[in-house]
Amino acid sequence: MILQGERMDARIDGSDQSIVLPVASLNFVKMAVVTVLIPVLDRIVFPAMDSWYRKPTLLQRIGQLSHADGPVLQTR
């Protein structure tokens, strides 16, 4: 994550006057996003999927979590 962070544009809104996210904090940001997404997915999204579609397996739940946190961290 550190090597990727060194090469990416770490500005928050993309303008020249924006706040730059330190590269070392990318791991913390990813873990914070995952920590917030797990209860949301477990309490809201997966029960809704159970009632609308079919019950997802554990492997499908893990895959959906990994795809859910990507767009939050990658905007470009």
Protein backbone atom coordinates (compact mmCIF):
# COMPACT_ATOMS: atom_id res chain seq x y z
CA MET A 1 0.00 0.00 0.00
CA ILE A 2 2.91 2.35 0.65
CA LEU A 3 4.39 1.97 -2.84
CA GLN A 4 0.99 2.53 -4.43
CA GLY A 5 0.44 5.58 -2.22
CA GLU A 6 3.72 7.13 -3.28
CA ARG A 7 2.64 7.08 -6.92
CA MET A 8 -0.98 8.16 -6.52
CA ASP A 9 -2.52 11.61 -6.33
CA ALA A 10 -3.36 11.79 -2.62
CA ARG A 11 -5.22 15.11 -2.69
CA ILE A 12 -8.70 14.93 -1.15
CA ASP A 13 -10.68 16.89 -3.77
CA GLY A 14 -8.14 17.04 -6.60
CA SER A 15 -7.55 20.79 -6.63
CA ASP A 16 -4.23 22.50 -5.94
CA GLN A 17 -5.50 24.01 -2.67
CA SER A 18 -6.77 20.72 -1.23
CA ILE A 19 -5.56 18.73 1.75
CA VAL A 20 -3.03 16.02 0.90
CA LEU A 21 -3.59 12.66 2.58
CA PRO A 22 -0.29 11.35 3.98
CA VAL A 23 0.81 8.10 2.36
CA ALA A 24 1.35 6.40 5.71
CA SER A 25 -2.29 6.93 6.68
CA LEU A 26 -3.70 4.97 3.71
CA ASN A 27 -3.64 1.72 5.69
CA PHE A 28 -5.57 3.39 8.50
CA VAL A 29 -8.14 4.83 6.08
CA LYS A 30 -8.69 1.42 4.49
CA MET A 31 -9.15 -0.26 7.87
CA ALA A 32 -11.51 2.50 9.02
CA VAL A 33 -13.64 2.10 5.88
CA VAL A 34 -13.80 -1.66 6.32
CA THR A 35 -14.65 -1.25 10.02
CA VAL A 36 -17.59 0.97 9.09
CA LEU A 37 -18.74 -1.15 6.13
CA ILE A 38 -18.84 -4.51 7.94
CA PRO A 39 -21.71 -3.59 10.32
CA VAL A 40 -23.59 -1.76 7.55
CA LEU A 41 -23.39 -4.73 5.23
CA ASP A 42 -24.12 -7.23 8.01
CA ARG A 43 -27.12 -5.39 9.48
CA ILE A 44 -28.68 -3.73 6.40
CA VAL A 45 -27.48 -5.03 3.03
CA PHE A 46 -27.29 -8.78 3.66
CA PRO A 47 -30.70 -9.04 5.42
CA ALA A 48 -32.23 -7.08 2.53
CA MET A 49 -30.61 -9.49 0.09
CA ASP A 50 -32.01 -12.41 2.09
CA SER A 51 -35.54 -11.10 1.75
CA TRP A 52 -35.31 -9.93 -1.88
CA TYR A 53 -33.10 -12.51 -3.54
CA ARG A 54 -31.38 -15.50 -2.06
CA LYS A 55 -29.15 -15.83 0.96
CA PRO A 56 -25.50 -15.16 -0.04
CA THR A 57 -22.85 -17.63 1.04
CA LEU A 58 -19.99 -16.61 3.29
CA LEU A 59 -17.61 -16.46 0.32
CA GLN A 60 -20.02 -14.18 -1.57
CA ARG A 61 -20.27 -11.89 1.46
CA ILE A 62 -16.48 -11.59 1.65
CA GLY A 63 -16.32 -10.79 -2.07
CA GLN A 64 -18.99 -8.12 -1.78
CA LEU A 65 -17.11 -6.48 1.08
CA SER A 66 -13.91 -6.37 -0.92
CA HIS A 67 -15.75 -4.77 -3.84
CA ALA A 68 -17.57 -2.32 -1.57
CA ASP A 69 -14.50 -0.68 -0.06
CA GLY A 70 -12.65 -0.22 -3.38
CA PRO A 71 -14.71 2.68 -4.78
CA VAL A 72 -14.46 4.52 -1.46
CA LEU A 73 -10.67 4.56 -1.63
CA GLN A 74 -10.20 4.84 -5.40
CA THR A 75 -11.78 7.86 -7.02
CA ARG A 76 -9.70 8.06 -10.18
